[in-house]
Amino acid sequence: MTAIVAQAWASLYGFTSINFAHLIIVGLTFCVN
């Protein structure tokens, strides 16, 4: 579920500079999950 939300955020931001932080967040979520 979090992966879908993260992907939605990535689509909204259009893979800007936020993309790096997004990858880190996704990595942390997968580690926690």
N, C-alpha and C. Protein backbone atom coordinates (compact mmCIF):
# COMPACT_ATOMS: atom_id res chain seq x y z
N MET A 1 0.84 -1.21 0.00
CA MET A 1 0.00 0.00 0.00
C MET A 1 0.88 1.25 0.00
N THR A 2 1.93 1.24 0.82
CA THR A 2 2.82 2.41 0.89
C THR A 2 3.55 2.59 -0.42
N ALA A 3 3.84 1.48 -1.11
CA ALA A 3 4.55 1.57 -2.38
C ALA A 3 3.69 2.31 -3.41
N ILE A 4 2.38 2.04 -3.39
CA ILE A 4 1.46 2.71 -4.33
C ILE A 4 1.43 4.20 -4.03
N VAL A 5 1.35 4.55 -2.75
CA VAL A 5 1.31 5.96 -2.36
C VAL A 5 2.60 6.66 -2.77
N ALA A 6 3.72 5.99 -2.54
CA ALA A 6 5.01 6.57 -2.90
C ALA A 6 5.10 6.79 -4.41
N GLN A 7 4.59 5.82 -5.17
CA GLN A 7 4.63 5.94 -6.62
C GLN A 7 3.74 7.09 -7.07
N ALA A 8 2.61 7.27 -6.39
CA ALA A 8 1.70 8.37 -6.72
C ALA A 8 2.39 9.70 -6.47
N TRP A 9 3.10 9.81 -5.34
CA TRP A 9 3.84 11.04 -5.03
C TRP A 9 4.90 11.29 -6.08
N ALA A 10 5.59 10.23 -6.52
CA ALA A 10 6.63 10.36 -7.53
C ALA A 10 6.03 10.88 -8.83
N SER A 11 4.85 10.38 -9.17
CA SER A 11 4.19 10.83 -10.40
C SER A 11 3.79 12.30 -10.28
N LEU A 12 3.31 12.69 -9.10
CA LEU A 12 2.88 14.07 -8.90
C LEU A 12 4.05 15.03 -9.00
N TYR A 13 5.17 14.64 -8.39
CA TYR A 13 6.33 15.52 -8.40
C TYR A 13 7.09 15.45 -9.73
N GLY A 14 6.76 14.47 -10.57
CA GLY A 14 7.40 14.39 -11.87
C GLY A 14 8.88 14.05 -11.76
N PHE A 15 9.26 13.29 -10.74
CA PHE A 15 10.67 12.89 -10.57
C PHE A 15 11.61 14.09 -10.59
N THR A 16 11.33 15.05 -9.72
CA THR A 16 12.22 16.21 -9.61
C THR A 16 13.31 15.90 -8.60
N SER A 17 13.85 16.92 -7.96
CA SER A 17 14.90 16.71 -6.95
C SER A 17 14.36 15.89 -5.79
N ILE A 18 13.03 15.86 -5.64
CA ILE A 18 12.41 15.09 -4.56
C ILE A 18 12.62 13.60 -4.78
N ASN A 19 12.91 13.24 -6.02
CA ASN A 19 13.06 11.82 -6.36
C ASN A 19 14.08 11.13 -5.46
N PHE A 20 15.16 11.82 -5.14
CA PHE A 20 16.20 11.23 -4.29
C PHE A 20 15.64 10.93 -2.90
N ALA A 21 14.95 11.91 -2.32
CA ALA A 21 14.35 11.72 -1.00
C ALA A 21 13.29 10.62 -1.08
N HIS A 22 12.59 10.57 -2.20
CA HIS A 22 11.54 9.56 -2.38
C HIS A 22 12.14 8.15 -2.35
N LEU A 23 13.29 8.00 -3.01
CA LEU A 23 13.95 6.69 -3.01
C LEU A 23 14.36 6.30 -1.60
N ILE A 24 14.86 7.28 -0.83
CA ILE A 24 15.28 7.00 0.54
C ILE A 24 14.08 6.59 1.38
N ILE A 25 12.97 7.32 1.22
CA ILE A 25 11.75 7.02 1.98
C ILE A 25 11.25 5.62 1.63
N VAL A 26 11.24 5.30 0.33
CA VAL A 26 10.79 3.98 -0.09
C VAL A 26 11.68 2.89 0.51
N GLY A 27 12.99 3.15 0.51
CA GLY A 27 13.91 2.18 1.08
C GLY A 27 13.64 1.97 2.57
N LEU A 28 13.39 3.06 3.28
CA LEU A 28 13.12 2.96 4.71
C LEU A 28 11.82 2.21 4.96
N THR A 29 10.80 2.49 4.13
CA THR A 29 9.51 1.81 4.32
C THR A 29 9.66 0.32 4.11
N PHE A 30 10.44 -0.07 3.09
CA PHE A 30 10.63 -1.49 2.83
C PHE A 30 11.41 -2.14 3.97
N CYS A 31 12.34 -1.40 4.57
CA CYS A 31 13.12 -1.94 5.69
C CYS A 31 12.21 -2.14 6.90
N VAL A 32 11.35 -1.17 7.14
CA VAL A 32 10.43 -1.25 8.29
C VAL A 32 9.41 -2.35 8.05
N ASN A 33 8.91 -2.44 6.83
CA ASN A 33 7.92 -3.46 6.51
C ASN A 33 8.61 -4.82 6.40
